[in-house]
Amino acid sequence: MIWEEKRGEKSEKMDAVDWLDYRHKLSMQKQTKYKVLYPTSATYLCGCFIEKKIIRIEIERQELELQDFVTDVKTFYLETDKKAEAHYLCSILNAPTVDELIKPMQSRGLFGPRDIHKKVWELPIPEFDSSNHDHLALAKLGEEGTKKISEFLSHGVPQKSIGNLRKIIKAELQNEIKEIDGIVKKILKT
C-alpha cells in the first residue's frame, strides 16, 4: 500500500484515515447548515458562506453528488444554522472598517499585510442578536448583496483573475458596502 511506503516515523501507528483526521480536525467539524469562511492569510479580509446542500455535478459524463464541505488548513470557518447570522458575519468580515482595524495586527510579507488568522476576533464584534436592529440590517444588506452578485454572475463570470473579479464585485456592491461599513462603525463604536 502506498500509504505504508510513504508515511514517516510519526505516522507509523496511524492508518491513512487517522492521518487525514489528525487531531480530529475533520471529524470535529459540525454538521451545521452554514459555514462562514474567511482566509487564514490575505492582504485584505473577506468572507463568504456556504450553505450545506446536495450539489450534483457531472465530470466526464459521470454524475457526482457532493454532500458537504470540509474546510482546509488555509481557511478559518464559523458554523451556524441561522442564515441571518451567516449574512451578518459576512457583512462584518467584508466591512472596510474591520479590514482597516486588523491591519496593524497583521504580520507583513513582501507584498504587505498577510496573516489574518484570528485577529479579526480580537475586535469587539458582538454575537449575532436577532432582536438587534443593526444586526438585522447587516444581515439584510448581506442577503441583498448576495442576491445582487448571484444575478450579476449568472450572466457569466468575467475571464479575470480572482483579484480582478473581487474588484469588479466590490464596484458592483459599493453602495451596499458603504451602508454596511456605516453600521459596523456604529456597532464597533469606532
C-alpha atoms as a PDB file:
ATOM      1  CA  MET A   1       0.000   0.000   0.000  1.00  0.00           C
ATOM      2  CA  ILE A   2       1.348   3.436  -0.944  1.00  0.00           C
ATOM      3  CA  TRP A   3       0.479   4.903   2.488  1.00  0.00           C
ATOM      4  CA  GLU A   4       2.664   2.348   4.272  1.00  0.00           C
ATOM      5  CA  GLU A   5       5.563   3.086   1.900  1.00  0.00           C
ATOM      6  CA  LYS A   6       5.383   6.899   2.114  1.00  0.00           C
ATOM      7  CA  ARG A   7       4.400   7.633   5.729  1.00  0.00           C
ATOM      8  CA  GLY A   8       7.021   8.937   8.120  1.00  0.00           C
ATOM      9  CA  GLU A   9       8.019   7.705  11.569  1.00  0.00           C
ATOM     10  CA  LYS A  10       5.419   9.794  13.377  1.00  0.00           C
ATOM     11  CA  SER A  11       2.610   8.220  11.389  1.00  0.00           C
ATOM     12  CA  GLU A  12       3.654   4.580  11.800  1.00  0.00           C
ATOM     13  CA  LYS A  13       0.868   3.984  14.312  1.00  0.00           C
ATOM     14  CA  MET A  14      -1.753   5.635  12.084  1.00  0.00           C
ATOM     15  CA  ASP A  15      -3.591   4.419   9.062  1.00  0.00           C
ATOM     16  CA  ALA A  16      -4.401   6.790   6.174  1.00  0.00           C
ATOM     17  CA  VAL A  17      -7.829   7.723   7.584  1.00  0.00           C
ATOM     18  CA  ASP A  18      -6.353   8.568  11.016  1.00  0.00           C
ATOM     19  CA  TRP A  19      -3.736  10.749   9.329  1.00  0.00           C
ATOM     20  CA  LEU A  20      -6.379  12.601   7.281  1.00  0.00           C
ATOM     21  CA  ASP A  21      -8.320  13.213  10.506  1.00  0.00           C
ATOM     22  CA  TYR A  22      -5.207  14.175  12.508  1.00  0.00           C
ATOM     23  CA  ARG A  23      -6.236  15.667  15.869  1.00  0.00           C
ATOM     24  CA  HIS A  24      -9.860  15.173  14.755  1.00  0.00           C
ATOM     25  CA  LYS A  25      -9.774  18.321  12.616  1.00  0.00           C
ATOM     26  CA  LEU A  26     -12.207  16.748  10.146  1.00  0.00           C
ATOM     27  CA  SER A  27     -14.469  14.701  12.390  1.00  0.00           C
ATOM     28  CA  MET A  28     -14.882  17.584  14.886  1.00  0.00           C
ATOM     29  CA  GLN A  29     -16.388  19.845  12.216  1.00  0.00           C
ATOM     30  CA  LYS A  30     -20.071  20.202  12.996  1.00  0.00           C
ATOM     31  CA  GLN A  31     -22.808  19.411  10.547  1.00  0.00           C
ATOM     32  CA  THR A  32     -24.455  22.821  10.528  1.00  0.00           C
ATOM     33  CA  LYS A  33     -26.458  24.385   7.725  1.00  0.00           C
ATOM     34  CA  TYR A  34     -23.973  27.242   7.026  1.00  0.00           C
ATOM     35  CA  LYS A  35     -20.206  27.643   7.160  1.00  0.00           C
ATOM     36  CA  VAL A  36     -18.915  31.217   7.177  1.00  0.00           C
ATOM     37  CA  LEU A  37     -15.412  31.207   5.673  1.00  0.00           C
ATOM     38  CA  TYR A  38     -12.515  33.631   5.593  1.00  0.00           C
ATOM     39  CA  PRO A  39      -8.845  33.190   4.624  1.00  0.00           C
ATOM     40  CA  THR A  40      -6.046  32.483   7.062  1.00  0.00           C
ATOM     41  CA  SER A  41      -3.747  34.729   5.090  1.00  0.00           C
ATOM     42  CA  ALA A  42      -4.547  37.564   2.698  1.00  0.00           C
ATOM     43  CA  THR A  43      -3.810  41.206   2.135  1.00  0.00           C
ATOM     44  CA  TYR A  44      -7.477  42.090   2.580  1.00  0.00           C
ATOM     45  CA  LEU A  45     -10.017  40.424   4.829  1.00  0.00           C
ATOM     46  CA  CYS A  46     -13.029  38.961   3.038  1.00  0.00           C
ATOM     47  CA  GLY A  47     -15.706  36.457   3.912  1.00  0.00           C
ATOM     48  CA  CYS A  48     -18.442  34.325   2.421  1.00  0.00           C
ATOM     49  CA  PHE A  49     -20.648  31.469   3.482  1.00  0.00           C
ATOM     50  CA  ILE A  50     -21.578  28.113   2.082  1.00  0.00           C
ATOM     51  CA  GLU A  51     -24.978  26.544   2.578  1.00  0.00           C
ATOM     52  CA  LYS A  52     -24.990  22.818   3.186  1.00  0.00           C
ATOM     53  CA  LYS A  53     -26.994  21.197   0.435  1.00  0.00           C
ATOM     54  CA  ILE A  54     -26.559  18.390  -2.030  1.00  0.00           C
ATOM     55  CA  ILE A  55     -24.937  19.512  -5.266  1.00  0.00           C
ATOM     56  CA  ARG A  56     -24.869  17.320  -8.344  1.00  0.00           C
ATOM     57  CA  ILE A  57     -22.118  17.848 -10.891  1.00  0.00           C
ATOM     58  CA  GLU A  58     -21.012  15.992 -13.965  1.00  0.00           C
ATOM     59  CA  ILE A  59     -17.371  15.263 -14.717  1.00  0.00           C
ATOM     60  CA  GLU A  60     -16.538  13.405 -17.900  1.00  0.00           C
ATOM     61  CA  ARG A  61     -20.115  12.066 -18.248  1.00  0.00           C
ATOM     62  CA  GLN A  62     -20.139  10.785 -14.671  1.00  0.00           C
ATOM     63  CA  GLU A  63     -22.555  12.378 -12.205  1.00  0.00           C
ATOM     64  CA  LEU A  64     -21.238  13.015  -8.720  1.00  0.00           C
ATOM     65  CA  GLU A  65     -23.204  14.011  -5.651  1.00  0.00           C
ATOM     66  CA  LEU A  66     -21.389  16.404  -3.314  1.00  0.00           C
ATOM     67  CA  GLN A  67     -22.900  16.373   0.137  1.00  0.00           C
ATOM     68  CA  ASP A  68     -20.719  18.508   2.377  1.00  0.00           C
ATOM     69  CA  PHE A  69     -17.841  20.914   2.522  1.00  0.00           C
ATOM     70  CA  VAL A  70     -14.646  20.430   4.534  1.00  0.00           C
ATOM     71  CA  THR A  71     -12.526  23.429   5.352  1.00  0.00           C
ATOM     72  CA  ASP A  72      -8.820  23.409   4.593  1.00  0.00           C
ATOM     73  CA  VAL A  73      -5.862  24.486   6.724  1.00  0.00           C
ATOM     74  CA  LYS A  74      -5.783  27.867   4.959  1.00  0.00           C
ATOM     75  CA  THR A  75      -9.391  28.662   5.780  1.00  0.00           C
ATOM     76  CA  PHE A  76     -10.995  29.669   9.046  1.00  0.00           C
ATOM     77  CA  TYR A  77     -14.667  28.993   9.499  1.00  0.00           C
ATOM     78  CA  LEU A  78     -17.592  29.589  11.809  1.00  0.00           C
ATOM     79  CA  GLU A  79     -20.678  27.457  11.818  1.00  0.00           C
ATOM     80  CA  THR A  80     -24.309  28.361  12.289  1.00  0.00           C
ATOM     81  CA  ASP A  81     -27.747  27.057  11.478  1.00  0.00           C
ATOM     82  CA  LYS A  82     -29.108  30.606  11.124  1.00  0.00           C
ATOM     83  CA  LYS A  83     -28.955  32.167   7.668  1.00  0.00           C
ATOM     84  CA  ALA A  84     -29.354  35.688   9.090  1.00  0.00           C
ATOM     85  CA  GLU A  85     -26.324  35.117  11.324  1.00  0.00           C
ATOM     86  CA  ALA A  86     -24.277  33.911   8.340  1.00  0.00           C
ATOM     87  CA  HIS A  87     -25.167  37.082   6.403  1.00  0.00           C
ATOM     88  CA  TYR A  88     -24.439  39.235   9.490  1.00  0.00           C
ATOM     89  CA  LEU A  89     -20.968  37.703   9.923  1.00  0.00           C
ATOM     90  CA  CYS A  90     -20.168  38.018   6.212  1.00  0.00           C
ATOM     91  CA  SER A  91     -21.196  41.677   6.272  1.00  0.00           C
ATOM     92  CA  ILE A  92     -18.831  42.281   9.173  1.00  0.00           C
ATOM     93  CA  LEU A  93     -15.967  40.338   7.568  1.00  0.00           C
ATOM     94  CA  ASN A  94     -16.350  42.340   4.344  1.00  0.00           C
ATOM     95  CA  ALA A  95     -16.628  45.752   6.025  1.00  0.00           C
ATOM     96  CA  PRO A  96     -13.684  48.036   5.123  1.00  0.00           C
ATOM     97  CA  THR A  97     -13.528  49.307   8.721  1.00  0.00           C
ATOM     98  CA  VAL A  98     -12.868  45.803  10.073  1.00  0.00           C
ATOM     99  CA  ASP A  99     -10.136  45.285   7.473  1.00  0.00           C
ATOM    100  CA  GLU A 100      -8.547  48.615   8.450  1.00  0.00           C
ATOM    101  CA  LEU A 101      -8.703  47.764  12.168  1.00  0.00           C
ATOM    102  CA  ILE A 102      -6.844  44.473  11.763  1.00  0.00           C
ATOM    103  CA  LYS A 103      -4.086  45.920   9.526  1.00  0.00           C
ATOM    104  CA  PRO A 104      -1.806  46.907  12.455  1.00  0.00           C
ATOM    105  CA  MET A 105      -2.202  43.386  13.912  1.00  0.00           C
ATOM    106  CA  GLN A 106      -1.311  41.562  10.685  1.00  0.00           C
ATOM    107  CA  SER A 107       2.205  40.292  10.040  1.00  0.00           C
ATOM    108  CA  ARG A 108       3.815  41.829   6.974  1.00  0.00           C
ATOM    109  CA  GLY A 109       5.258  39.989   3.999  1.00  0.00           C
ATOM    110  CA  LEU A 110       6.976  41.070   0.831  1.00  0.00           C
ATOM    111  CA  PHE A 111       3.671  42.340  -0.598  1.00  0.00           C
ATOM    112  CA  GLY A 112       2.256  43.917   2.553  1.00  0.00           C
ATOM    113  CA  PRO A 113      -0.095  42.668   5.271  1.00  0.00           C
ATOM    114  CA  ARG A 114      -0.540  38.885   5.262  1.00  0.00           C
ATOM    115  CA  ASP A 115      -1.786  36.812   8.140  1.00  0.00           C
ATOM    116  CA  ILE A 116      -5.327  37.301   9.352  1.00  0.00           C
ATOM    117  CA  HIS A 117      -5.751  34.182  11.474  1.00  0.00           C
ATOM    118  CA  LYS A 118      -7.996  35.019  14.420  1.00  0.00           C
ATOM    119  CA  LYS A 119      -7.017  38.699  14.583  1.00  0.00           C
ATOM    120  CA  VAL A 120     -10.479  39.768  13.463  1.00  0.00           C
ATOM    121  CA  TRP A 121     -11.989  38.210  16.625  1.00  0.00           C
ATOM    122  CA  GLU A 122      -9.818  40.414  18.822  1.00  0.00           C
ATOM    123  CA  LEU A 123     -12.166  43.227  17.796  1.00  0.00           C
ATOM    124  CA  PRO A 124     -15.290  43.821  19.910  1.00  0.00           C
ATOM    125  CA  ILE A 125     -17.630  42.172  17.396  1.00  0.00           C
ATOM    126  CA  PRO A 126     -20.884  41.318  19.154  1.00  0.00           C
ATOM    127  CA  GLU A 127     -22.503  37.911  18.850  1.00  0.00           C
ATOM    128  CA  PHE A 128     -25.483  37.942  16.495  1.00  0.00           C
ATOM    129  CA  ASP A 129     -28.675  39.060  18.210  1.00  0.00           C
ATOM    130  CA  SER A 130     -31.834  38.570  16.151  1.00  0.00           C
ATOM    131  CA  SER A 131     -33.596  41.264  18.209  1.00  0.00           C
ATOM    132  CA  ASN A 132     -30.934  43.899  17.445  1.00  0.00           C
ATOM    133  CA  HIS A 133     -31.962  46.289  14.650  1.00  0.00           C
ATOM    134  CA  ASP A 134     -28.354  46.883  13.483  1.00  0.00           C
ATOM    135  CA  HIS A 135     -27.595  43.155  13.366  1.00  0.00           C
ATOM    136  CA  LEU A 136     -30.715  42.517  11.314  1.00  0.00           C
ATOM    137  CA  ALA A 137     -29.843  45.414   8.994  1.00  0.00           C
ATOM    138  CA  LEU A 138     -26.395  43.895   8.368  1.00  0.00           C
ATOM    139  CA  ALA A 139     -27.989  40.510   7.697  1.00  0.00           C
ATOM    140  CA  LYS A 140     -30.445  42.064   5.243  1.00  0.00           C
ATOM    141  CA  LEU A 141     -27.717  44.013   3.439  1.00  0.00           C
ATOM    142  CA  GLY A 142     -25.614  40.847   3.228  1.00  0.00           C
ATOM    143  CA  GLU A 143     -28.528  38.946   1.758  1.00  0.00           C
ATOM    144  CA  GLU A 144     -29.268  41.713  -0.770  1.00  0.00           C
ATOM    145  CA  GLY A 145     -25.606  41.810  -1.787  1.00  0.00           C
ATOM    146  CA  THR A 146     -25.552  38.042  -2.233  1.00  0.00           C
ATOM    147  CA  LYS A 147     -28.615  38.164  -4.485  1.00  0.00           C
ATOM    148  CA  LYS A 148     -27.199  41.068  -6.493  1.00  0.00           C
ATOM    149  CA  ILE A 149     -23.885  39.309  -7.131  1.00  0.00           C
ATOM    150  CA  SER A 150     -25.590  35.970  -7.878  1.00  0.00           C
ATOM    151  CA  GLU A 151     -27.640  37.754 -10.543  1.00  0.00           C
ATOM    152  CA  PHE A 152     -24.538  39.542 -11.865  1.00  0.00           C
ATOM    153  CA  LEU A 153     -22.550  36.293 -12.082  1.00  0.00           C
ATOM    154  CA  SER A 154     -25.459  34.372 -13.652  1.00  0.00           C
ATOM    155  CA  HIS A 155     -24.667  36.230 -16.886  1.00  0.00           C
ATOM    156  CA  GLY A 156     -21.214  34.657 -16.907  1.00  0.00           C
ATOM    157  CA  VAL A 157     -18.085  35.153 -14.870  1.00  0.00           C
ATOM    158  CA  PRO A 158     -15.694  37.638 -16.470  1.00  0.00           C
ATOM    159  CA  GLN A 159     -12.451  35.951 -17.510  1.00  0.00           C
ATOM    160  CA  LYS A 160     -10.335  37.776 -14.978  1.00  0.00           C
ATOM    161  CA  SER A 161      -8.016  36.798 -12.151  1.00  0.00           C
ATOM    162  CA  ILE A 162      -9.644  36.264  -8.767  1.00  0.00           C
ATOM    163  CA  GLY A 163      -8.206  39.605  -7.601  1.00  0.00           C
ATOM    164  CA  ASN A 164      -9.753  41.451 -10.552  1.00  0.00           C
ATOM    165  CA  LEU A 165     -13.041  39.643 -10.041  1.00  0.00           C
ATOM    166  CA  ARG A 166     -13.070  40.828  -6.401  1.00  0.00           C
ATOM    167  CA  LYS A 167     -12.558  44.413  -7.617  1.00  0.00           C
ATOM    168  CA  ILE A 168     -15.470  44.071 -10.034  1.00  0.00           C
ATOM    169  CA  ILE A 169     -17.708  42.687  -7.298  1.00  0.00           C
ATOM    170  CA  LYS A 170     -16.681  45.451  -4.873  1.00  0.00           C
ATOM    171  CA  ALA A 171     -17.561  48.025  -7.521  1.00  0.00           C
ATOM    172  CA  GLU A 172     -20.963  46.372  -8.066  1.00  0.00           C
ATOM    173  CA  LEU A 173     -21.622  46.451  -4.314  1.00  0.00           C
ATOM    174  CA  GLN A 174     -20.135  49.850  -3.489  1.00  0.00           C
ATOM    175  CA  ASN A 175     -23.426  51.275  -2.145  1.00  0.00           C
ATOM    176  CA  GLU A 176     -24.164  48.203  -0.030  1.00  0.00           C
ATOM    177  CA  ILE A 177     -20.577  48.109   1.289  1.00  0.00           C
ATOM    178  CA  LYS A 178     -20.776  51.786   2.262  1.00  0.00           C
ATOM    179  CA  GLU A 179     -24.020  51.184   4.166  1.00  0.00           C
ATOM    180  CA  ILE A 180     -22.621  48.042   5.829  1.00  0.00           C
ATOM    181  CA  ASP A 181     -19.487  49.908   6.870  1.00  0.00           C
ATOM    182  CA  GLY A 182     -21.532  52.682   8.481  1.00  0.00           C
ATOM    183  CA  ILE A 183     -23.440  50.162  10.603  1.00  0.00           C
ATOM    184  CA  VAL A 184     -20.261  48.262  11.501  1.00  0.00           C
ATOM    185  CA  LYS A 185     -18.611  51.507  12.663  1.00  0.00           C
ATOM    186  CA  LYS A 186     -21.641  52.143  14.870  1.00  0.00           C
ATOM    187  CA  ILE A 187     -21.579  48.613  16.309  1.00  0.00           C
ATOM    188  CA  LEU A 188     -17.824  48.704  16.970  1.00  0.00           C
ATOM    189  CA  LYS A 189     -18.041  52.299  18.218  1.00  0.00           C
ATOM    190  CA  THR A 190     -15.153  53.482  16.002  1.00  0.00           C
END
